[in-house]
Amino acid sequence: MKHRIIFAILMSFTLSLIMSAWITFVNIGAHSNFFSLWMHAWFLAWPAAGIIAFISGPFIHKLAQRIAEKL
């Protein structure tokens, strides 16, 4: 369980940080207020990403294992 929690925190942190930066940039471009808007978007995205990663993690892991076995 400890591994699952740590993995969900790290994965959600990384993905939400990068994805929120990308989507913020696509939406507003290199705006002078980019960093502030990005951090606001990331602050909202990270908790959702963490919960999703924690809940879906075991299913996704099993699915990836099944796909890898067939390749």
N, C-alpha and C. Protein backbone atom coordinates (compact mmCIF):
# COMPACT_ATOMS: atom_id res chain seq x y z
N MET A 1 0.83 -1.20 0.00
CA MET A 1 0.00 0.00 0.00
C MET A 1 0.87 1.26 0.00
N LYS A 2 1.98 1.23 0.75
CA LYS A 2 2.86 2.39 0.80
C LYS A 2 3.40 2.72 -0.61
N HIS A 3 3.81 1.68 -1.32
CA HIS A 3 4.31 1.86 -2.69
C HIS A 3 3.25 2.46 -3.59
N ARG A 4 2.03 1.98 -3.47
CA ARG A 4 0.92 2.48 -4.30
C ARG A 4 0.66 3.96 -4.06
N ILE A 5 0.70 4.38 -2.81
CA ILE A 5 0.47 5.79 -2.47
C ILE A 5 1.61 6.66 -3.00
N ILE A 6 2.85 6.23 -2.77
CA ILE A 6 4.00 7.01 -3.26
C ILE A 6 3.99 7.09 -4.77
N PHE A 7 3.71 5.97 -5.44
CA PHE A 7 3.65 5.98 -6.89
C PHE A 7 2.58 6.94 -7.39
N ALA A 8 1.39 6.91 -6.80
CA ALA A 8 0.30 7.80 -7.23
C ALA A 8 0.68 9.26 -7.03
N ILE A 9 1.33 9.58 -5.93
CA ILE A 9 1.75 10.96 -5.68
C ILE A 9 2.77 11.41 -6.72
N LEU A 10 3.79 10.60 -6.95
CA LEU A 10 4.84 10.98 -7.90
C LEU A 10 4.32 11.04 -9.34
N MET A 11 3.54 10.05 -9.74
CA MET A 11 3.02 10.03 -11.10
C MET A 11 2.06 11.19 -11.34
N SER A 12 1.16 11.43 -10.39
CA SER A 12 0.21 12.52 -10.57
C SER A 12 0.90 13.88 -10.54
N PHE A 13 1.92 14.02 -9.70
CA PHE A 13 2.68 15.27 -9.66
C PHE A 13 3.32 15.55 -11.02
N THR A 14 4.03 14.56 -11.54
CA THR A 14 4.75 14.73 -12.79
C THR A 14 3.81 15.00 -13.95
N LEU A 15 2.80 14.15 -14.12
CA LEU A 15 1.90 14.31 -15.25
C LEU A 15 1.07 15.58 -15.17
N SER A 16 0.54 15.89 -14.00
CA SER A 16 -0.28 17.10 -13.89
C SER A 16 0.55 18.36 -14.08
N LEU A 17 1.79 18.35 -13.62
CA LEU A 17 2.65 19.52 -13.80
C LEU A 17 2.94 19.76 -15.29
N ILE A 18 3.33 18.70 -15.99
CA ILE A 18 3.67 18.84 -17.41
C ILE A 18 2.43 19.11 -18.26
N MET A 19 1.36 18.37 -18.01
CA MET A 19 0.15 18.56 -18.81
C MET A 19 -0.49 19.93 -18.57
N SER A 20 -0.49 20.40 -17.35
CA SER A 20 -1.08 21.72 -17.11
C SER A 20 -0.24 22.81 -17.75
N ALA A 21 1.08 22.63 -17.79
CA ALA A 21 1.94 23.61 -18.48
C ALA A 21 1.62 23.61 -19.96
N TRP A 22 1.51 22.43 -20.55
CA TRP A 22 1.24 22.33 -21.98
C TRP A 22 -0.12 22.94 -22.34
N ILE A 23 -1.16 22.57 -21.62
CA ILE A 23 -2.50 23.06 -21.92
C ILE A 23 -2.60 24.57 -21.68
N THR A 24 -1.96 25.05 -20.63
CA THR A 24 -1.95 26.50 -20.38
C THR A 24 -1.25 27.22 -21.52
N PHE A 25 -0.13 26.68 -21.98
CA PHE A 25 0.59 27.30 -23.10
C PHE A 25 -0.24 27.27 -24.38
N VAL A 26 -0.89 26.15 -24.66
CA VAL A 26 -1.72 26.05 -25.87
C VAL A 26 -2.87 27.06 -25.81
N ASN A 27 -3.43 27.25 -24.63
CA ASN A 27 -4.57 28.15 -24.49
C ASN A 27 -4.19 29.63 -24.52
N ILE A 28 -3.08 30.00 -23.90
CA ILE A 28 -2.77 31.43 -23.80
C ILE A 28 -1.44 31.83 -24.44
N GLY A 29 -0.60 30.86 -24.78
CA GLY A 29 0.70 31.18 -25.36
C GLY A 29 1.67 31.70 -24.30
N ALA A 30 2.72 32.36 -24.78
CA ALA A 30 3.76 32.89 -23.90
C ALA A 30 3.30 34.22 -23.29
N HIS A 31 2.31 34.15 -22.47
CA HIS A 31 1.71 35.30 -21.82
C HIS A 31 2.59 35.76 -20.66
N SER A 32 2.55 37.04 -20.36
CA SER A 32 3.38 37.56 -19.26
C SER A 32 2.98 36.97 -17.90
N ASN A 33 1.76 36.52 -17.78
CA ASN A 33 1.25 35.96 -16.54
C ASN A 33 1.22 34.42 -16.60
N PHE A 34 1.98 33.84 -17.53
CA PHE A 34 1.94 32.40 -17.78
C PHE A 34 2.19 31.58 -16.52
N PHE A 35 3.26 31.89 -15.80
CA PHE A 35 3.63 31.08 -14.64
C PHE A 35 2.52 31.05 -13.59
N SER A 36 1.93 32.18 -13.31
CA SER A 36 0.86 32.25 -12.32
C SER A 36 -0.36 31.45 -12.77
N LEU A 37 -0.73 31.58 -14.03
CA LEU A 37 -1.87 30.84 -14.55
C LEU A 37 -1.59 29.34 -14.58
N TRP A 38 -0.36 28.98 -14.94
CA TRP A 38 0.04 27.57 -14.96
C TRP A 38 -0.03 26.97 -13.56
N MET A 39 0.51 27.68 -12.57
CA MET A 39 0.51 27.16 -11.21
C MET A 39 -0.92 27.02 -10.67
N HIS A 40 -1.79 27.93 -11.05
CA HIS A 40 -3.19 27.82 -10.64
C HIS A 40 -3.83 26.56 -11.26
N ALA A 41 -3.59 26.35 -12.56
CA ALA A 41 -4.12 25.16 -13.24
C ALA A 41 -3.55 23.89 -12.62
N TRP A 42 -2.25 23.89 -12.33
CA TRP A 42 -1.62 22.71 -11.74
C TRP A 42 -2.17 22.44 -10.34
N PHE A 43 -2.36 23.50 -9.56
CA PHE A 43 -2.89 23.36 -8.20
C PHE A 43 -4.26 22.68 -8.21
N LEU A 44 -5.06 22.97 -9.23
CA LEU A 44 -6.37 22.35 -9.35
C LEU A 44 -6.28 20.93 -9.91
N ALA A 45 -5.31 20.69 -10.78
CA ALA A 45 -5.20 19.40 -11.46
C ALA A 45 -4.57 18.32 -10.60
N TRP A 46 -3.60 18.67 -9.77
CA TRP A 46 -2.85 17.65 -9.04
C TRP A 46 -3.72 16.78 -8.13
N PRO A 47 -4.60 17.35 -7.31
CA PRO A 47 -5.43 16.47 -6.46
C PRO A 47 -6.29 15.50 -7.27
N ALA A 48 -6.87 15.98 -8.35
CA ALA A 48 -7.69 15.10 -9.20
C ALA A 48 -6.82 14.00 -9.80
N ALA A 49 -5.66 14.38 -10.31
CA ALA A 49 -4.75 13.39 -10.90
C ALA A 49 -4.30 12.37 -9.86
N GLY A 50 -4.06 12.81 -8.64
CA GLY A 50 -3.64 11.90 -7.58
C GLY A 50 -4.70 10.86 -7.25
N ILE A 51 -5.93 11.31 -7.14
CA ILE A 51 -7.03 10.39 -6.84
C ILE A 51 -7.22 9.40 -8.00
N ILE A 52 -7.19 9.92 -9.23
CA ILE A 52 -7.35 9.05 -10.40
C ILE A 52 -6.22 8.04 -10.48
N ALA A 53 -4.98 8.48 -10.25
CA ALA A 53 -3.83 7.57 -10.31
C ALA A 53 -3.93 6.50 -9.23
N PHE A 54 -4.36 6.88 -8.05
CA PHE A 54 -4.47 5.92 -6.95
C PHE A 54 -5.55 4.88 -7.23
N ILE A 55 -6.69 5.33 -7.72
CA ILE A 55 -7.81 4.41 -7.97
C ILE A 55 -7.57 3.54 -9.20
N SER A 56 -7.09 4.15 -10.28
CA SER A 56 -6.95 3.40 -11.54
C SER A 56 -5.62 2.65 -11.65
N GLY A 57 -4.67 2.94 -10.78
CA GLY A 57 -3.34 2.34 -10.87
C GLY A 57 -3.32 0.83 -10.96
N PRO A 58 -3.98 0.12 -10.04
CA PRO A 58 -3.95 -1.35 -10.11
C PRO A 58 -4.55 -1.90 -11.41
N PHE A 59 -5.65 -1.32 -11.86
CA PHE A 59 -6.27 -1.76 -13.11
C PHE A 59 -5.36 -1.52 -14.30
N ILE A 60 -4.76 -0.34 -14.37
CA ILE A 60 -3.87 -0.01 -15.47
C ILE A 60 -2.64 -0.91 -15.45
N HIS A 61 -2.14 -1.20 -14.28
CA HIS A 61 -0.98 -2.08 -14.16
C HIS A 61 -1.32 -3.48 -14.70
N LYS A 62 -2.46 -4.02 -14.33
CA LYS A 62 -2.88 -5.33 -14.82
C LYS A 62 -3.11 -5.31 -16.33
N LEU A 63 -3.71 -4.25 -16.82
CA LEU A 63 -3.94 -4.12 -18.26
C LEU A 63 -2.62 -4.07 -19.02
N ALA A 64 -1.67 -3.30 -18.52
CA ALA A 64 -0.36 -3.21 -19.16
C ALA A 64 0.34 -4.57 -19.16
N GLN A 65 0.19 -5.30 -18.06
CA GLN A 65 0.79 -6.64 -17.97
C GLN A 65 0.18 -7.57 -19.01
N ARG A 66 -1.12 -7.55 -19.16
CA ARG A 66 -1.79 -8.40 -20.16
C ARG A 66 -1.36 -8.04 -21.58
N ILE A 67 -1.27 -6.76 -21.86
CA ILE A 67 -0.84 -6.32 -23.20
C ILE A 67 0.59 -6.75 -23.46
N ALA A 68 1.46 -6.56 -22.47
CA ALA A 68 2.87 -6.92 -22.63
C ALA A 68 3.03 -8.42 -22.85
N GLU A 69 2.22 -9.24 -22.21
CA GLU A 69 2.30 -10.68 -22.39
C GLU A 69 1.91 -11.12 -23.79
N LYS A 70 1.03 -10.35 -24.43
CA LYS A 70 0.57 -10.69 -25.79
C LYS A 70 1.54 -10.21 -26.87
N LEU A 71 2.42 -9.31 -26.53
CA LEU A 71 3.37 -8.76 -27.53
C LEU A 71 4.59 -9.65 -27.66
